[in-house]
Amino acid sequence: MLKKKLINEIEKNIMEHKGYKITNDEFLRTIFGEYTDHQHAVLICSRENLKSSWAPHPWEKGCTRFSRSKDNYFTVSLFKPNEEGRYTRNVDLVTATCCIVLDDYTVKSCISEKQPVKKTQLPFENLPLEPTWVIRTSKGNAQLGFIMSAPIKDRSTIDQIY
């Protein structure tokens, strides 16, 4: 389990919105940098608004532009292109999983029984190991990421994780 001192520091940083200044490209390069090429790409998915669909495109180191006017997310797995050479988020095209992401972890003081939307709302005390990254997604909530020591390429293991 995580140490109380680390939990307090993480929760304080989430509530005060403190963090490191790095670019999206630097962030993705840290997770996927040595594993991506033209046959194995992490996908960046963007959409204009809640009604539009997520349009995927491969991340290219130093070349991919992220829009502040759109919602963006990255896939935790690498994908190979389909028969037409296009990248899609088709489960049959997954070549490896490089990280695990837990979304909507909640700072203990923000956990509420009256939450209108059902969220995970698991306190940091329940984490068995320290996350590689913590990204504040809204007041009191965060996304936690864990980088694998090596990409998982075995399909049945990937399926069990999901």
N, C-alpha and C. Protein backbone atom coordinates (compact mmCIF):
# COMPACT_ATOMS: atom_id res chain seq x y z
N MET A 1 0.83 -1.18 0.00
CA MET A 1 0.00 0.00 0.00
C MET A 1 0.88 1.25 0.00
N LEU A 2 0.32 2.33 -0.50
CA LEU A 2 1.05 3.59 -0.55
C LEU A 2 1.23 4.17 0.85
N LYS A 3 2.34 4.87 1.04
CA LYS A 3 2.61 5.52 2.32
C LYS A 3 1.74 6.76 2.45
N LYS A 4 1.28 7.02 3.67
CA LYS A 4 0.40 8.16 3.96
C LYS A 4 1.01 9.48 3.51
N LYS A 5 2.33 9.66 3.68
CA LYS A 5 2.99 10.91 3.29
C LYS A 5 2.87 11.13 1.78
N LEU A 6 3.05 10.07 0.98
CA LEU A 6 2.92 10.17 -0.48
C LEU A 6 1.47 10.47 -0.85
N ILE A 7 0.53 9.80 -0.21
CA ILE A 7 -0.90 10.04 -0.49
C ILE A 7 -1.25 11.50 -0.21
N ASN A 8 -0.80 12.01 0.92
CA ASN A 8 -1.09 13.41 1.27
C ASN A 8 -0.52 14.37 0.22
N GLU A 9 0.70 14.11 -0.24
CA GLU A 9 1.32 14.97 -1.24
C GLU A 9 0.56 14.91 -2.57
N ILE A 10 0.18 13.71 -3.00
CA ILE A 10 -0.58 13.57 -4.25
C ILE A 10 -1.90 14.30 -4.15
N GLU A 11 -2.63 14.08 -3.07
CA GLU A 11 -3.95 14.71 -2.92
C GLU A 11 -3.83 16.23 -2.84
N LYS A 12 -2.82 16.74 -2.15
CA LYS A 12 -2.62 18.19 -2.06
C LYS A 12 -2.33 18.76 -3.46
N ASN A 13 -1.47 18.10 -4.23
CA ASN A 13 -1.16 18.57 -5.58
C ASN A 13 -2.38 18.55 -6.49
N ILE A 14 -3.23 17.54 -6.36
CA ILE A 14 -4.45 17.48 -7.17
C ILE A 14 -5.37 18.64 -6.81
N MET A 15 -5.57 18.87 -5.52
CA MET A 15 -6.48 19.94 -5.09
C MET A 15 -5.94 21.32 -5.45
N GLU A 16 -4.61 21.50 -5.39
CA GLU A 16 -4.02 22.80 -5.70
C GLU A 16 -3.63 22.92 -7.17
N HIS A 17 -3.87 21.86 -7.92
CA HIS A 17 -3.58 21.82 -9.35
C HIS A 17 -2.10 22.12 -9.63
N LYS A 18 -1.23 21.50 -8.85
CA LYS A 18 0.21 21.64 -9.05
C LYS A 18 0.69 20.52 -9.96
N GLY A 19 1.69 20.81 -10.72
CA GLY A 19 2.22 19.76 -11.59
C GLY A 19 3.50 20.16 -12.27
N TYR A 20 3.94 19.28 -13.14
CA TYR A 20 5.13 19.52 -13.95
C TYR A 20 4.70 20.05 -15.31
N LYS A 21 5.50 20.93 -15.87
CA LYS A 21 5.20 21.45 -17.20
C LYS A 21 5.98 20.63 -18.22
N ILE A 22 5.26 19.73 -18.92
CA ILE A 22 5.83 18.97 -20.02
C ILE A 22 4.83 19.01 -21.17
N THR A 23 5.30 18.78 -22.36
CA THR A 23 4.40 18.77 -23.51
C THR A 23 3.74 17.41 -23.65
N ASN A 24 2.67 17.36 -24.40
CA ASN A 24 2.02 16.09 -24.70
C ASN A 24 3.01 15.14 -25.37
N ASP A 25 3.82 15.68 -26.27
CA ASP A 25 4.79 14.87 -26.98
C ASP A 25 5.82 14.27 -26.02
N GLU A 26 6.31 15.06 -25.08
CA GLU A 26 7.27 14.55 -24.09
C GLU A 26 6.62 13.46 -23.23
N PHE A 27 5.37 13.67 -22.85
CA PHE A 27 4.64 12.69 -22.04
C PHE A 27 4.53 11.36 -22.79
N LEU A 28 4.06 11.41 -24.03
CA LEU A 28 3.89 10.18 -24.81
C LEU A 28 5.22 9.52 -25.14
N ARG A 29 6.24 10.31 -25.40
CA ARG A 29 7.57 9.75 -25.68
C ARG A 29 8.09 8.96 -24.48
N THR A 30 7.79 9.42 -23.27
CA THR A 30 8.22 8.72 -22.06
C THR A 30 7.56 7.35 -21.96
N ILE A 31 6.31 7.24 -22.35
CA ILE A 31 5.59 5.97 -22.25
C ILE A 31 5.89 5.05 -23.45
N PHE A 32 5.83 5.60 -24.67
CA PHE A 32 5.83 4.77 -25.87
C PHE A 32 7.04 4.94 -26.78
N GLY A 33 7.87 5.95 -26.51
CA GLY A 33 8.91 6.37 -27.44
C GLY A 33 9.70 5.30 -28.15
N GLU A 34 10.21 4.33 -27.43
CA GLU A 34 11.07 3.35 -28.09
C GLU A 34 10.29 2.22 -28.75
N TYR A 35 8.99 2.17 -28.58
CA TYR A 35 8.19 1.07 -29.12
C TYR A 35 7.41 1.43 -30.38
N THR A 36 7.33 2.70 -30.72
CA THR A 36 6.53 3.09 -31.87
C THR A 36 7.36 3.15 -33.15
N ASP A 37 6.72 2.77 -34.24
CA ASP A 37 7.29 2.88 -35.58
C ASP A 37 6.10 2.82 -36.55
N HIS A 38 6.35 2.60 -37.83
CA HIS A 38 5.24 2.60 -38.78
C HIS A 38 4.34 1.37 -38.68
N GLN A 39 4.76 0.36 -37.95
CA GLN A 39 3.93 -0.83 -37.78
C GLN A 39 3.32 -0.95 -36.39
N HIS A 40 3.73 -0.08 -35.49
CA HIS A 40 3.23 -0.13 -34.11
C HIS A 40 3.04 1.30 -33.62
N ALA A 41 1.82 1.80 -33.63
CA ALA A 41 1.56 3.20 -33.30
C ALA A 41 0.56 3.33 -32.16
N VAL A 42 0.84 4.28 -31.27
CA VAL A 42 -0.16 4.68 -30.29
C VAL A 42 -1.09 5.63 -31.04
N LEU A 43 -2.38 5.55 -30.76
CA LEU A 43 -3.35 6.38 -31.46
C LEU A 43 -3.78 7.54 -30.60
N ILE A 44 -3.86 8.69 -31.22
CA ILE A 44 -4.43 9.88 -30.59
C ILE A 44 -5.84 10.00 -31.14
N CYS A 45 -6.79 10.10 -30.25
CA CYS A 45 -8.19 10.19 -30.66
C CYS A 45 -8.73 11.54 -30.24
N SER A 46 -9.36 12.23 -31.18
CA SER A 46 -9.87 13.58 -30.93
C SER A 46 -11.33 13.66 -31.32
N ARG A 47 -12.04 14.57 -30.70
CA ARG A 47 -13.43 14.85 -31.11
C ARG A 47 -13.75 16.30 -30.83
N GLU A 48 -14.64 16.84 -31.63
CA GLU A 48 -15.03 18.25 -31.53
C GLU A 48 -15.93 18.52 -30.33
N ASN A 49 -16.90 17.64 -30.11
CA ASN A 49 -17.86 17.85 -29.03
C ASN A 49 -18.41 16.50 -28.58
N LEU A 50 -19.28 16.50 -27.60
CA LEU A 50 -19.80 15.24 -27.06
C LEU A 50 -20.58 14.40 -28.07
N LYS A 51 -21.13 15.04 -29.10
CA LYS A 51 -21.92 14.31 -30.09
C LYS A 51 -21.07 13.71 -31.21
N SER A 52 -19.84 14.20 -31.38
CA SER A 52 -19.01 13.68 -32.46
C SER A 52 -18.27 12.42 -32.02
N SER A 53 -17.81 11.64 -32.99
CA SER A 53 -17.10 10.41 -32.67
C SER A 53 -15.61 10.69 -32.50
N TRP A 54 -14.92 9.76 -31.88
CA TRP A 54 -13.49 9.88 -31.64
C TRP A 54 -12.76 9.48 -32.92
N ALA A 55 -12.07 10.42 -33.54
CA ALA A 55 -11.33 10.15 -34.77
C ALA A 55 -9.87 9.81 -34.42
N PRO A 56 -9.42 8.58 -34.73
CA PRO A 56 -8.05 8.21 -34.39
C PRO A 56 -7.04 8.56 -35.47
N HIS A 57 -5.83 8.88 -35.06
CA HIS A 57 -4.71 9.04 -35.98
C HIS A 57 -3.43 8.68 -35.22
N PRO A 58 -2.44 8.15 -35.92
CA PRO A 58 -1.23 7.73 -35.21
C PRO A 58 -0.43 8.91 -34.67
N TRP A 59 0.13 8.72 -33.50
CA TRP A 59 1.02 9.73 -32.92
C TRP A 59 2.39 9.60 -33.58
N GLU A 60 2.91 10.70 -34.03
CA GLU A 60 4.26 10.73 -34.60
C GLU A 60 5.09 11.66 -33.73
N LYS A 61 6.19 11.12 -33.21
CA LYS A 61 7.05 11.88 -32.30
C LYS A 61 7.42 13.23 -32.88
N GLY A 62 7.09 14.28 -32.16
CA GLY A 62 7.46 15.63 -32.56
C GLY A 62 6.62 16.23 -33.67
N CYS A 63 5.69 15.47 -34.24
CA CYS A 63 4.91 15.96 -35.39
C CYS A 63 3.42 16.09 -35.11
N THR A 64 2.91 15.39 -34.11
CA THR A 64 1.48 15.38 -33.85
C THR A 64 1.06 16.66 -33.14
N ARG A 65 0.04 17.31 -33.65
CA ARG A 65 -0.49 18.51 -33.00
C ARG A 65 -1.72 18.12 -32.19
N PHE A 66 -1.79 18.67 -30.99
CA PHE A 66 -2.93 18.44 -30.11
C PHE A 66 -3.72 19.73 -30.06
N SER A 67 -5.03 19.61 -30.13
CA SER A 67 -5.88 20.78 -30.16
C SER A 67 -6.44 21.09 -28.78
N ARG A 68 -6.34 22.34 -28.38
CA ARG A 68 -6.96 22.76 -27.12
C ARG A 68 -8.48 22.92 -27.27
N SER A 69 -8.95 23.02 -28.51
CA SER A 69 -10.38 23.20 -28.73
C SER A 69 -11.11 21.86 -28.88
N LYS A 70 -10.38 20.75 -28.82
CA LYS A 70 -10.98 19.42 -28.94
C LYS A 70 -10.63 18.59 -27.72
N ASP A 71 -11.45 17.57 -27.49
CA ASP A 71 -11.10 16.57 -26.50
C ASP A 71 -10.08 15.63 -27.15
N ASN A 72 -9.04 15.25 -26.41
CA ASN A 72 -8.01 14.34 -26.92
C ASN A 72 -7.75 13.24 -25.90
N TYR A 73 -7.45 12.06 -26.40
CA TYR A 73 -6.93 11.02 -25.51
C TYR A 73 -6.01 10.12 -26.29
N PHE A 74 -5.20 9.35 -25.58
CA PHE A 74 -4.29 8.42 -26.22
C PHE A 74 -4.67 7.00 -25.84
N THR A 75 -4.34 6.07 -26.70
CA THR A 75 -4.60 4.67 -26.40
C THR A 75 -3.46 4.12 -25.56
N VAL A 76 -3.75 3.15 -24.71
CA VAL A 76 -2.72 2.55 -23.86
C VAL A 76 -1.98 1.44 -24.60
N SER A 77 -2.51 1.06 -25.75
CA SER A 77 -1.92 -0.01 -26.55
C SER A 77 -1.37 0.52 -27.85
N LEU A 78 -0.49 -0.26 -28.45
CA LEU A 78 0.02 0.03 -29.79
C LEU A 78 -0.85 -0.74 -30.78
N PHE A 79 -1.02 -0.15 -31.96
CA PHE A 79 -1.84 -0.75 -33.01
C PHE A 79 -1.04 -0.86 -34.29
N LYS A 80 -1.33 -1.92 -35.06
CA LYS A 80 -0.77 -2.01 -36.40
C LYS A 80 -1.83 -1.48 -37.36
N PRO A 81 -1.43 -1.05 -38.56
CA PRO A 81 -2.43 -0.54 -39.51
C PRO A 81 -3.27 -1.69 -40.06
N ASN A 82 -4.48 -1.36 -40.53
CA ASN A 82 -5.33 -2.39 -41.14
C ASN A 82 -4.84 -2.68 -42.57
N GLU A 83 -5.57 -3.52 -43.28
CA GLU A 83 -5.14 -3.93 -44.64
C GLU A 83 -5.03 -2.75 -45.60
N GLU A 84 -5.80 -1.68 -45.36
CA GLU A 84 -5.73 -0.49 -46.21
C GLU A 84 -4.62 0.47 -45.76
N GLY A 85 -3.90 0.12 -44.68
CA GLY A 85 -2.84 0.98 -44.19
C GLY A 85 -3.30 2.07 -43.24
N ARG A 86 -4.59 2.02 -42.84
CA ARG A 86 -5.14 3.01 -41.91
C ARG A 86 -5.11 2.46 -40.49
N TYR A 87 -4.99 3.38 -39.54
CA TYR A 87 -5.00 2.98 -38.13
C TYR A 87 -6.41 3.17 -37.57
N THR A 88 -6.91 2.13 -36.93
CA THR A 88 -8.21 2.20 -36.27
C THR A 88 -8.07 1.56 -34.88
N ARG A 89 -9.04 1.82 -34.02
CA ARG A 89 -9.01 1.25 -32.68
C ARG A 89 -9.70 -0.11 -32.67
N ASN A 90 -9.33 -0.97 -33.58
CA ASN A 90 -9.89 -2.31 -33.67
C ASN A 90 -9.08 -3.23 -32.78
N VAL A 91 -9.74 -3.96 -31.90
CA VAL A 91 -9.06 -4.82 -30.94
C VAL A 91 -8.18 -5.85 -31.65
N ASP A 92 -8.54 -6.27 -32.85
CA ASP A 92 -7.74 -7.25 -33.59
C ASP A 92 -6.42 -6.67 -34.08
N LEU A 93 -6.26 -5.34 -34.04
CA LEU A 93 -5.05 -4.69 -34.52
C LEU A 93 -4.08 -4.32 -33.40
N VAL A 94 -4.42 -4.67 -32.15
CA VAL A 94 -3.53 -4.37 -31.01
C VAL A 94 -2.28 -5.24 -31.11
N THR A 95 -1.11 -4.60 -30.96
CA THR A 95 0.15 -5.36 -30.99
C THR A 95 0.79 -5.45 -29.60
N ALA A 96 0.51 -4.51 -28.71
CA ALA A 96 1.07 -4.55 -27.36
C ALA A 96 0.38 -3.50 -26.49
N THR A 97 0.40 -3.72 -25.19
CA THR A 97 -0.10 -2.75 -24.22
C THR A 97 1.10 -2.27 -23.40
N CYS A 98 1.27 -0.95 -23.33
CA CYS A 98 2.46 -0.35 -22.70
C CYS A 98 2.21 0.25 -21.33
N CYS A 99 0.94 0.51 -21.01
CA CYS A 99 0.64 1.11 -19.72
C CYS A 99 -0.79 0.76 -19.32
N ILE A 100 -1.09 0.97 -18.07
CA ILE A 100 -2.44 0.79 -17.53
C ILE A 100 -2.87 2.15 -16.99
N VAL A 101 -4.11 2.54 -17.26
CA VAL A 101 -4.63 3.82 -16.78
C VAL A 101 -5.90 3.57 -15.98
N LEU A 102 -5.96 4.16 -14.80
CA LEU A 102 -7.17 4.13 -13.98
C LEU A 102 -7.72 5.55 -13.98
N ASP A 103 -8.97 5.69 -14.34
CA ASP A 103 -9.56 7.01 -14.45
C ASP A 103 -10.46 7.31 -13.27
N ASP A 104 -10.55 8.58 -12.93
CA ASP A 104 -11.44 9.08 -11.89
C ASP A 104 -11.14 8.54 -10.50
N TYR A 105 -9.87 8.53 -10.13
CA TYR A 105 -9.55 8.32 -8.73
C TYR A 105 -9.88 9.62 -8.01
N THR A 106 -10.39 9.51 -6.81
CA THR A 106 -10.91 10.69 -6.13
C THR A 106 -10.18 10.96 -4.83
N VAL A 107 -9.85 12.22 -4.61
CA VAL A 107 -9.27 12.65 -3.35
C VAL A 107 -10.27 12.33 -2.24
N LYS A 108 -9.79 11.77 -1.15
CA LYS A 108 -10.67 11.27 -0.09
C LYS A 108 -11.69 12.31 0.38
N SER A 109 -11.26 13.56 0.53
CA SER A 109 -12.17 14.59 1.03
C SER A 109 -13.27 14.94 0.02
N CYS A 110 -13.13 14.50 -1.23
CA CYS A 110 -14.12 14.79 -2.27
C CYS A 110 -15.08 13.63 -2.52
N ILE A 111 -14.86 12.50 -1.88
CA ILE A 111 -15.76 11.35 -2.06
C ILE A 111 -17.09 11.67 -1.41
N SER A 112 -18.15 11.47 -2.16
CA SER A 112 -19.47 11.83 -1.67
C SER A 112 -20.49 10.76 -2.00
N GLU A 113 -21.37 10.49 -1.06
CA GLU A 113 -22.48 9.57 -1.29
C GLU A 113 -23.51 10.18 -2.24
N LYS A 114 -23.52 11.52 -2.34
CA LYS A 114 -24.52 12.22 -3.14
C LYS A 114 -24.05 12.48 -4.57
N GLN A 115 -22.96 11.85 -4.99
CA GLN A 115 -22.42 12.08 -6.33
C GLN A 115 -23.49 11.78 -7.38
N PRO A 116 -23.87 12.76 -8.22
CA PRO A 116 -24.94 12.54 -9.21
C PRO A 116 -24.53 11.53 -10.29
N VAL A 117 -23.26 11.52 -10.65
CA VAL A 117 -22.79 10.58 -11.66
C VAL A 117 -21.98 9.52 -10.93
N LYS A 118 -22.25 8.26 -11.26
CA LYS A 118 -21.51 7.18 -10.61
C LYS A 118 -20.06 7.21 -11.07
N LYS A 119 -19.15 7.46 -10.17
CA LYS A 119 -17.72 7.44 -10.45
C LYS A 119 -17.09 6.36 -9.59
N THR A 120 -15.89 6.00 -9.96
CA THR A 120 -15.18 4.97 -9.23
C THR A 120 -15.01 5.36 -7.78
N GLN A 121 -14.54 6.56 -7.54
CA GLN A 121 -14.34 7.12 -6.21
C GLN A 121 -13.61 6.18 -5.26
N LEU A 122 -12.48 5.70 -5.70
CA LEU A 122 -11.63 4.88 -4.84
C LEU A 122 -10.53 5.76 -4.26
N PRO A 123 -10.34 5.72 -2.97
CA PRO A 123 -9.29 6.55 -2.38
C PRO A 123 -7.90 5.98 -2.68
N PHE A 124 -6.89 6.84 -2.62
CA PHE A 124 -5.52 6.44 -2.91
C PHE A 124 -5.03 5.36 -1.95
N GLU A 125 -5.61 5.30 -0.76
CA GLU A 125 -5.20 4.28 0.21
C GLU A 125 -5.38 2.87 -0.34
N ASN A 126 -6.25 2.71 -1.33
CA ASN A 126 -6.51 1.37 -1.88
C ASN A 126 -5.55 0.97 -2.99
N LEU A 127 -4.64 1.86 -3.37
CA LEU A 127 -3.68 1.51 -4.42
C LEU A 127 -2.57 0.63 -3.86
N PRO A 128 -2.27 -0.49 -4.53
CA PRO A 128 -1.21 -1.36 -4.03
C PRO A 128 0.20 -0.90 -4.41
N LEU A 129 0.32 -0.01 -5.41
CA LEU A 129 1.64 0.49 -5.80
C LEU A 129 1.55 1.91 -6.30
N GLU A 130 2.69 2.58 -6.29
CA GLU A 130 2.76 4.00 -6.65
C GLU A 130 2.57 4.18 -8.15
N PRO A 131 1.71 5.11 -8.57
CA PRO A 131 1.52 5.34 -10.00
C PRO A 131 2.72 6.05 -10.61
N THR A 132 2.92 5.83 -11.92
CA THR A 132 3.97 6.52 -12.66
C THR A 132 3.59 7.98 -12.85
N TRP A 133 2.29 8.24 -13.11
CA TRP A 133 1.82 9.61 -13.26
C TRP A 133 0.44 9.77 -12.65
N VAL A 134 0.14 11.01 -12.30
CA VAL A 134 -1.18 11.41 -11.80
C VAL A 134 -1.54 12.68 -12.56
N ILE A 135 -2.68 12.66 -13.26
CA ILE A 135 -3.14 13.83 -14.00
C ILE A 135 -4.48 14.27 -13.40
N ARG A 136 -4.54 15.50 -12.96
CA ARG A 136 -5.80 16.03 -12.45
C ARG A 136 -6.76 16.18 -13.62
N THR A 137 -7.95 15.59 -13.50
CA THR A 137 -8.94 15.68 -14.57
C THR A 137 -10.07 16.65 -14.22
N SER A 138 -10.32 16.84 -12.95
CA SER A 138 -11.29 17.82 -12.46
C SER A 138 -11.02 17.99 -10.97
N LYS A 139 -11.72 18.92 -10.33
CA LYS A 139 -11.46 19.16 -8.91
C LYS A 139 -11.66 17.88 -8.10
N GLY A 140 -10.60 17.44 -7.46
CA GLY A 140 -10.67 16.26 -6.61
C GLY A 140 -10.55 14.94 -7.32
N ASN A 141 -10.45 14.95 -8.66
CA ASN A 141 -10.37 13.70 -9.42
C ASN A 141 -9.09 13.67 -10.24
N ALA A 142 -8.61 12.46 -10.48
CA ALA A 142 -7.37 12.30 -11.21
C ALA A 142 -7.38 11.01 -12.02
N GLN A 143 -6.52 10.99 -13.01
CA GLN A 143 -6.24 9.80 -13.79
C GLN A 143 -4.88 9.30 -13.33
N LEU A 144 -4.77 8.02 -13.07
CA LEU A 144 -3.50 7.43 -12.63
C LEU A 144 -2.97 6.51 -13.71
N GLY A 145 -1.68 6.59 -13.96
CA GLY A 145 -1.07 5.75 -14.98
C GLY A 145 0.09 4.95 -14.45
N PHE A 146 0.25 3.76 -15.00
CA PHE A 146 1.33 2.86 -14.62
C PHE A 146 2.01 2.38 -15.89
N ILE A 147 3.29 2.72 -16.07
CA ILE A 147 4.04 2.26 -17.24
C ILE A 147 4.53 0.84 -16.96
N MET A 148 4.34 -0.05 -17.93
CA MET A 148 4.83 -1.42 -17.81
C MET A 148 6.35 -1.44 -17.95
N SER A 149 7.01 -2.37 -17.30
CA SER A 149 8.47 -2.48 -17.46
C SER A 149 8.83 -2.93 -18.87
N ALA A 150 7.91 -3.63 -19.53
CA ALA A 150 8.04 -4.01 -20.94
C ALA A 150 6.62 -4.14 -21.49
N PRO A 151 6.42 -3.84 -22.77
CA PRO A 151 5.08 -3.97 -23.34
C PRO A 151 4.56 -5.41 -23.24
N ILE A 152 3.29 -5.54 -22.97
CA ILE A 152 2.66 -6.86 -22.93
C ILE A 152 2.17 -7.17 -24.34
N LYS A 153 2.67 -8.25 -24.92
CA LYS A 153 2.33 -8.60 -26.29
C LYS A 153 1.43 -9.82 -26.37
N ASP A 154 1.32 -10.57 -25.29
CA ASP A 154 0.49 -11.77 -25.28
C ASP A 154 -0.99 -11.37 -25.24
N ARG A 155 -1.72 -11.78 -26.24
CA ARG A 155 -3.13 -11.37 -26.41
C ARG A 155 -4.01 -11.79 -25.23
N SER A 156 -3.85 -12.99 -24.72
CA SER A 156 -4.70 -13.43 -23.62
C SER A 156 -4.42 -12.63 -22.35
N THR A 157 -3.16 -12.26 -22.13
CA THR A 157 -2.82 -11.42 -20.96
C THR A 157 -3.43 -10.03 -21.12
N ILE A 158 -3.35 -9.47 -22.31
CA ILE A 158 -3.96 -8.15 -22.56
C ILE A 158 -5.46 -8.22 -22.29
N ASP A 159 -6.13 -9.26 -22.79
CA ASP A 159 -7.57 -9.43 -22.57
C ASP A 159 -7.90 -9.55 -21.08
N GLN A 160 -7.07 -10.27 -20.30
CA GLN A 160 -7.30 -10.41 -18.87
C GLN A 160 -7.16 -9.08 -18.15
N ILE A 161 -6.21 -8.26 -18.57
CA ILE A 161 -6.03 -6.95 -17.93
C ILE A 161 -7.26 -6.09 -18.15
N TYR A 162 -7.78 -6.06 -19.38
CA TYR A 162 -8.96 -5.24 -19.66
C TYR A 162 -10.18 -5.81 -18.97
